[in-house]
Amino acid sequence: MLKSSLVTTLFLLVLCGIIYPLVTTAVGQAAFPHQANGSLIKEHDKVVGSKLIGQEFTSPAYLHGRPSPHHYSSYPEKTPQDQIQPVTGGSNDSNNNRELLQRIKTERQTFSKENDVPAQEVPIDILTASGSGLDGQITKQAADMQIHRMAQHSGLAEEKIRRIINQHTVKQNDQAIVNILEVNLKIKQFMHS
């Protein structure tokens, strides 16, 4: 009985702990190498981020994303950029948490003022963090509301910014979403050309 239990345990250890991970890794690398390696985006052969992970953009020339409860990092401010790794996790604040409600009120006023839109029209996704706190996309509606501000500060025409946003918009669960990093890299490219 002990021998068969040990043999079964060893067999399952090899199968589930070695063979299965190697096979799934090989299939992922062969069939979906970009996704299997984190959907990384490069600029001049240097990784600048992942298509899937949000970054904090504060310049008025760029598209702004959802708030992150951790500001996309748990590292001290003086940590060198190449050593900072994003962190994940929501705030776990309840819907009636005073700090959360105050933060949403502040975010709503800030977005409304910066983008010259009525406060009651600010989309909810621009006010609330995603469950992971690292969402790299916003709704098309939230992106479109930022075009005027971006044009004023980037020197690009509103129509050009709209085309860039449209190029980086996909349908997901019947909703149009925009990848913030891809849009901002294009804006940066046109601003410096």
C-alpha atoms as a PDB file:
ATOM      1  CA  MET A   1       0.000   0.000   0.000  1.00  0.00           C
ATOM      2  CA  LEU A   2       2.788   2.466   0.924  1.00  0.00           C
ATOM      3  CA  LYS A   3       4.726   1.584  -2.241  1.00  0.00           C
ATOM      4  CA  SER A   4       1.718   2.230  -4.523  1.00  0.00           C
ATOM      5  CA  SER A   5       1.008   5.539  -2.762  1.00  0.00           C
ATOM      6  CA  LEU A   6       4.616   6.673  -3.228  1.00  0.00           C
ATOM      7  CA  VAL A   7       4.631   5.595  -6.884  1.00  0.00           C
ATOM      8  CA  THR A   8       1.348   7.444  -7.517  1.00  0.00           C
ATOM      9  CA  THR A   9       2.624  10.560  -5.741  1.00  0.00           C
ATOM     10  CA  LEU A  10       5.894  10.495  -7.700  1.00  0.00           C
ATOM     11  CA  PHE A  11       4.030   9.922 -10.990  1.00  0.00           C
ATOM     12  CA  LEU A  12       1.662  12.843 -10.341  1.00  0.00           C
ATOM     13  CA  LEU A  13       4.559  15.052  -9.224  1.00  0.00           C
ATOM     14  CA  VAL A  14       6.413  14.414 -12.486  1.00  0.00           C
ATOM     15  CA  LEU A  15       3.260  14.703 -14.606  1.00  0.00           C
ATOM     16  CA  CYS A  16       1.761  17.813 -12.965  1.00  0.00           C
ATOM     17  CA  GLY A  17       4.929  19.488 -11.718  1.00  0.00           C
ATOM     18  CA  ILE A  18       7.261  18.984 -14.680  1.00  0.00           C
ATOM     19  CA  ILE A  19       5.631  17.633 -17.842  1.00  0.00           C
ATOM     20  CA  TYR A  20       2.423  19.713 -17.780  1.00  0.00           C
ATOM     21  CA  PRO A  21       4.188  23.092 -17.133  1.00  0.00           C
ATOM     22  CA  LEU A  22       6.786  22.345 -19.831  1.00  0.00           C
ATOM     23  CA  VAL A  23       4.132  21.412 -22.398  1.00  0.00           C
ATOM     24  CA  THR A  24       1.899  24.422 -21.667  1.00  0.00           C
ATOM     25  CA  THR A  25       4.913  26.760 -21.740  1.00  0.00           C
ATOM     26  CA  ALA A  26       6.075  25.311 -25.073  1.00  0.00           C
ATOM     27  CA  VAL A  27       2.593  25.597 -26.594  1.00  0.00           C
ATOM     28  CA  GLY A  28       2.217  29.174 -25.305  1.00  0.00           C
ATOM     29  CA  GLN A  29       5.613  30.198 -26.687  1.00  0.00           C
ATOM     30  CA  ALA A  30       4.942  28.535 -30.049  1.00  0.00           C
ATOM     31  CA  ALA A  31       1.339  29.615 -30.591  1.00  0.00           C
ATOM     32  CA  PHE A  32       1.116  32.913 -28.656  1.00  0.00           C
ATOM     33  CA  PRO A  33       4.644  34.235 -27.982  1.00  0.00           C
ATOM     34  CA  HIS A  34       3.628  37.906 -27.584  1.00  0.00           C
ATOM     35  CA  GLN A  35       0.902  37.109 -25.035  1.00  0.00           C
ATOM     36  CA  ALA A  36       2.945  34.417 -23.267  1.00  0.00           C
ATOM     37  CA  ASN A  37       5.710  36.948 -22.670  1.00  0.00           C
ATOM     38  CA  GLY A  38       3.418  39.562 -21.113  1.00  0.00           C
ATOM     39  CA  SER A  39       2.178  41.527 -24.178  1.00  0.00           C
ATOM     40  CA  LEU A  40       5.178  43.830 -23.829  1.00  0.00           C
ATOM     41  CA  ILE A  41       5.382  47.043 -25.835  1.00  0.00           C
ATOM     42  CA  LYS A  42       8.783  48.234 -27.019  1.00  0.00           C
ATOM     43  CA  GLU A  43       9.966  51.640 -28.131  1.00  0.00           C
ATOM     44  CA  HIS A  44      13.381  51.783 -29.813  1.00  0.00           C
ATOM     45  CA  ASP A  45      14.025  48.160 -28.736  1.00  0.00           C
ATOM     46  CA  LYS A  46      13.424  49.050 -25.076  1.00  0.00           C
ATOM     47  CA  VAL A  47      10.458  47.690 -23.139  1.00  0.00           C
ATOM     48  CA  VAL A  48       8.278  50.614 -22.035  1.00  0.00           C
ATOM     49  CA  GLY A  49       5.385  48.661 -20.582  1.00  0.00           C
ATOM     50  CA  SER A  50       2.772  46.024 -21.126  1.00  0.00           C
ATOM     51  CA  LYS A  51      -0.388  46.395 -23.148  1.00  0.00           C
ATOM     52  CA  LEU A  52      -2.215  44.858 -20.187  1.00  0.00           C
ATOM     53  CA  ILE A  53      -0.868  46.904 -17.280  1.00  0.00           C
ATOM     54  CA  GLY A  54      -1.740  50.521 -16.610  1.00  0.00           C
ATOM     55  CA  GLN A  55       0.704  53.312 -16.003  1.00  0.00           C
ATOM     56  CA  GLU A  56       0.157  56.698 -14.443  1.00  0.00           C
ATOM     57  CA  PHE A  57       0.160  59.519 -17.007  1.00  0.00           C
ATOM     58  CA  THR A  58      -0.157  63.034 -15.621  1.00  0.00           C
ATOM     59  CA  SER A  59       0.914  65.237 -18.539  1.00  0.00           C
ATOM     60  CA  PRO A  60      -2.098  67.037 -20.017  1.00  0.00           C
ATOM     61  CA  ALA A  61      -0.859  66.104 -23.512  1.00  0.00           C
ATOM     62  CA  TYR A  62      -1.548  62.412 -22.867  1.00  0.00           C
ATOM     63  CA  LEU A  63      -4.552  60.200 -22.332  1.00  0.00           C
ATOM     64  CA  HIS A  64      -5.217  59.639 -18.620  1.00  0.00           C
ATOM     65  CA  GLY A  65      -6.377  56.298 -17.292  1.00  0.00           C
ATOM     66  CA  ARG A  66      -8.175  54.875 -14.338  1.00  0.00           C
ATOM     67  CA  PRO A  67      -6.949  55.597 -10.828  1.00  0.00           C
ATOM     68  CA  SER A  68      -4.837  52.986  -9.118  1.00  0.00           C
ATOM     69  CA  PRO A  69      -5.110  52.534  -5.360  1.00  0.00           C
ATOM     70  CA  HIS A  70      -1.349  51.935  -5.331  1.00  0.00           C
ATOM     71  CA  HIS A  71      -0.398  54.456  -8.030  1.00  0.00           C
ATOM     72  CA  TYR A  72       0.929  51.447  -9.957  1.00  0.00           C
ATOM     73  CA  SER A  73       3.761  50.916  -7.482  1.00  0.00           C
ATOM     74  CA  SER A  74       4.457  50.183  -3.839  1.00  0.00           C
ATOM     75  CA  TYR A  75       8.051  51.339  -4.041  1.00  0.00           C
ATOM     76  CA  PRO A  76       9.355  54.518  -2.370  1.00  0.00           C
ATOM     77  CA  GLU A  77       9.508  57.607  -4.619  1.00  0.00           C
ATOM     78  CA  LYS A  78      13.307  57.590  -4.795  1.00  0.00           C
ATOM     79  CA  THR A  79      13.542  54.036  -6.157  1.00  0.00           C
ATOM     80  CA  PRO A  80      15.246  54.049  -9.591  1.00  0.00           C
ATOM     81  CA  GLN A  81      12.724  53.568 -12.433  1.00  0.00           C
ATOM     82  CA  ASP A  82      14.384  50.381 -13.702  1.00  0.00           C
ATOM     83  CA  GLN A  83      13.864  48.724 -10.306  1.00  0.00           C
ATOM     84  CA  ILE A  84      10.163  49.533  -9.936  1.00  0.00           C
ATOM     85  CA  GLN A  85       7.715  46.711 -10.526  1.00  0.00           C
ATOM     86  CA  PRO A  86       3.946  47.240 -10.654  1.00  0.00           C
ATOM     87  CA  VAL A  87       1.828  45.858  -7.854  1.00  0.00           C
ATOM     88  CA  THR A  88      -1.670  44.517  -8.054  1.00  0.00           C
ATOM     89  CA  GLY A  89      -4.741  44.494  -5.895  1.00  0.00           C
ATOM     90  CA  GLY A  90      -7.777  46.628  -5.322  1.00  0.00           C
ATOM     91  CA  SER A  91      -8.342  48.813  -2.302  1.00  0.00           C
ATOM     92  CA  ASN A  92     -11.189  46.644  -0.903  1.00  0.00           C
ATOM     93  CA  ASP A  93     -13.013  49.802   0.149  1.00  0.00           C
ATOM     94  CA  SER A  94     -16.776  49.419   0.477  1.00  0.00           C
ATOM     95  CA  ASN A  95     -19.158  51.534  -1.589  1.00  0.00           C
ATOM     96  CA  ASN A  96     -19.889  53.765   1.385  1.00  0.00           C
ATOM     97  CA  ASN A  97     -16.292  54.224   2.557  1.00  0.00           C
ATOM     98  CA  ARG A  98     -15.791  57.945   3.237  1.00  0.00           C
ATOM     99  CA  GLU A  99     -12.267  58.044   1.829  1.00  0.00           C
ATOM    100  CA  LEU A 100     -13.377  56.276  -1.355  1.00  0.00           C
ATOM    101  CA  LEU A 101     -16.352  58.603  -1.795  1.00  0.00           C
ATOM    102  CA  GLN A 102     -14.147  61.643  -1.244  1.00  0.00           C
ATOM    103  CA  ARG A 103     -11.554  60.352  -3.710  1.00  0.00           C
ATOM    104  CA  ILE A 104     -14.266  59.741  -6.339  1.00  0.00           C
ATOM    105  CA  LYS A 105     -15.667  63.242  -5.753  1.00  0.00           C
ATOM    106  CA  THR A 106     -12.180  64.734  -6.173  1.00  0.00           C
ATOM    107  CA  GLU A 107     -11.469  62.614  -9.276  1.00  0.00           C
ATOM    108  CA  ARG A 108     -14.815  63.678 -10.794  1.00  0.00           C
ATOM    109  CA  GLN A 109     -14.102  67.384 -10.176  1.00  0.00           C
ATOM    110  CA  THR A 110     -10.549  67.104 -11.502  1.00  0.00           C
ATOM    111  CA  PHE A 111     -11.565  65.238 -14.679  1.00  0.00           C
ATOM    112  CA  SER A 112     -14.486  67.619 -15.237  1.00  0.00           C
ATOM    113  CA  LYS A 113     -12.281  70.692 -14.866  1.00  0.00           C
ATOM    114  CA  GLU A 114      -9.335  69.369 -16.908  1.00  0.00           C
ATOM    115  CA  ASN A 115     -11.501  68.159 -19.789  1.00  0.00           C
ATOM    116  CA  ASP A 116     -14.276  70.772 -19.674  1.00  0.00           C
ATOM    117  CA  VAL A 117     -17.086  68.228 -19.335  1.00  0.00           C
ATOM    118  CA  PRO A 118     -20.033  68.376 -16.928  1.00  0.00           C
ATOM    119  CA  ALA A 119     -19.232  66.532 -13.697  1.00  0.00           C
ATOM    120  CA  GLN A 120     -22.342  64.330 -13.978  1.00  0.00           C
ATOM    121  CA  GLU A 121     -21.139  63.071 -17.407  1.00  0.00           C
ATOM    122  CA  VAL A 122     -17.750  61.782 -16.236  1.00  0.00           C
ATOM    123  CA  PRO A 123     -17.674  58.022 -16.978  1.00  0.00           C
ATOM    124  CA  ILE A 124     -17.499  55.731 -13.947  1.00  0.00           C
ATOM    125  CA  ASP A 125     -14.436  53.882 -15.241  1.00  0.00           C
ATOM    126  CA  ILE A 126     -12.345  57.050 -15.024  1.00  0.00           C
ATOM    127  CA  LEU A 127     -13.344  57.475 -11.364  1.00  0.00           C
ATOM    128  CA  THR A 128     -12.880  53.954 -10.025  1.00  0.00           C
ATOM    129  CA  ALA A 129      -9.942  51.572 -10.001  1.00  0.00           C
ATOM    130  CA  SER A 130     -10.285  48.147 -11.550  1.00  0.00           C
ATOM    131  CA  GLY A 131     -10.277  45.034  -9.375  1.00  0.00           C
ATOM    132  CA  SER A 132      -6.557  44.547  -9.962  1.00  0.00           C
ATOM    133  CA  GLY A 133      -5.770  48.242  -9.733  1.00  0.00           C
ATOM    134  CA  LEU A 134      -3.682  47.934 -12.909  1.00  0.00           C
ATOM    135  CA  ASP A 135      -6.164  48.292 -15.760  1.00  0.00           C
ATOM    136  CA  GLY A 136      -4.432  49.631 -18.868  1.00  0.00           C
ATOM    137  CA  GLN A 137      -7.634  50.462 -20.744  1.00  0.00           C
ATOM    138  CA  ILE A 138     -10.510  52.908 -20.475  1.00  0.00           C
ATOM    139  CA  THR A 139     -13.805  53.156 -22.315  1.00  0.00           C
ATOM    140  CA  LYS A 140     -13.932  54.933 -25.656  1.00  0.00           C
ATOM    141  CA  GLN A 141     -16.303  57.448 -24.078  1.00  0.00           C
ATOM    142  CA  ALA A 142     -13.713  58.370 -21.413  1.00  0.00           C
ATOM    143  CA  ALA A 143     -10.977  58.637 -24.060  1.00  0.00           C
ATOM    144  CA  ASP A 144     -13.065  60.817 -26.373  1.00  0.00           C
ATOM    145  CA  MET A 145     -13.775  63.249 -23.531  1.00  0.00           C
ATOM    146  CA  GLN A 146     -10.029  63.923 -23.249  1.00  0.00           C
ATOM    147  CA  ILE A 147      -9.350  64.750 -26.915  1.00  0.00           C
ATOM    148  CA  HIS A 148      -9.794  68.530 -26.594  1.00  0.00           C
ATOM    149  CA  ARG A 149      -7.378  68.785 -23.643  1.00  0.00           C
ATOM    150  CA  MET A 150      -4.832  66.545 -25.344  1.00  0.00           C
ATOM    151  CA  ALA A 151      -4.957  68.623 -28.537  1.00  0.00           C
ATOM    152  CA  GLN A 152      -4.439  71.860 -26.621  1.00  0.00           C
ATOM    153  CA  HIS A 153      -1.335  70.557 -24.845  1.00  0.00           C
ATOM    154  CA  SER A 154       0.212  68.292 -27.489  1.00  0.00           C
ATOM    155  CA  GLY A 155      -0.058  70.646 -30.452  1.00  0.00           C
ATOM    156  CA  LEU A 156      -1.767  67.913 -32.482  1.00  0.00           C
ATOM    157  CA  ALA A 157      -5.105  68.389 -34.220  1.00  0.00           C
ATOM    158  CA  GLU A 158      -8.153  66.928 -32.497  1.00  0.00           C
ATOM    159  CA  GLU A 159      -8.925  64.842 -35.590  1.00  0.00           C
ATOM    160  CA  LYS A 160      -5.434  63.300 -35.523  1.00  0.00           C
ATOM    161  CA  ILE A 161      -5.841  62.374 -31.849  1.00  0.00           C
ATOM    162  CA  ARG A 162      -9.294  60.933 -32.584  1.00  0.00           C
ATOM    163  CA  ARG A 163      -7.794  58.754 -35.351  1.00  0.00           C
ATOM    164  CA  ILE A 164      -5.051  57.527 -33.000  1.00  0.00           C
ATOM    165  CA  ILE A 165      -7.648  56.648 -30.361  1.00  0.00           C
ATOM    166  CA  ASN A 166      -9.786  54.863 -32.950  1.00  0.00           C
ATOM    167  CA  GLN A 167      -6.766  52.834 -34.131  1.00  0.00           C
ATOM    168  CA  HIS A 168      -6.230  51.556 -30.591  1.00  0.00           C
ATOM    169  CA  THR A 169      -9.875  50.827 -29.778  1.00  0.00           C
ATOM    170  CA  VAL A 170     -11.198  47.271 -29.579  1.00  0.00           C
ATOM    171  CA  LYS A 171     -14.552  45.753 -28.708  1.00  0.00           C
ATOM    172  CA  GLN A 172     -14.596  43.840 -25.436  1.00  0.00           C
ATOM    173  CA  ASN A 173     -17.819  42.470 -23.968  1.00  0.00           C
ATOM    174  CA  ASP A 174     -19.881  44.732 -26.264  1.00  0.00           C
ATOM    175  CA  GLN A 175     -18.000  47.815 -25.084  1.00  0.00           C
ATOM    176  CA  ALA A 176     -15.384  49.841 -26.962  1.00  0.00           C
ATOM    177  CA  ILE A 177     -12.180  50.125 -24.923  1.00  0.00           C
ATOM    178  CA  VAL A 178      -8.976  52.037 -25.619  1.00  0.00           C
ATOM    179  CA  ASN A 179      -5.422  51.002 -24.738  1.00  0.00           C
ATOM    180  CA  ILE A 180      -3.880  53.991 -22.956  1.00  0.00           C
ATOM    181  CA  LEU A 181      -0.198  53.131 -23.371  1.00  0.00           C
ATOM    182  CA  GLU A 182      -0.490  52.488 -27.111  1.00  0.00           C
ATOM    183  CA  VAL A 183      -2.324  55.788 -27.640  1.00  0.00           C
ATOM    184  CA  ASN A 184       0.186  57.739 -25.557  1.00  0.00           C
ATOM    185  CA  LEU A 185       3.174  56.251 -27.362  1.00  0.00           C
ATOM    186  CA  LYS A 186       1.651  57.337 -30.689  1.00  0.00           C
ATOM    187  CA  ILE A 187       0.932  60.821 -29.312  1.00  0.00           C
ATOM    188  CA  LYS A 188       4.537  61.037 -28.102  1.00  0.00           C
ATOM    189  CA  GLN A 189       5.819  59.892 -31.501  1.00  0.00           C
ATOM    190  CA  PHE A 190       3.837  62.570 -33.363  1.00  0.00           C
ATOM    191  CA  MET A 191       4.736  65.284 -30.838  1.00  0.00           C
ATOM    192  CA  HIS A 192       8.456  64.622 -31.316  1.00  0.00           C
ATOM    193  CA  SER A 193       8.439  64.224 -35.089  1.00  0.00           C
END
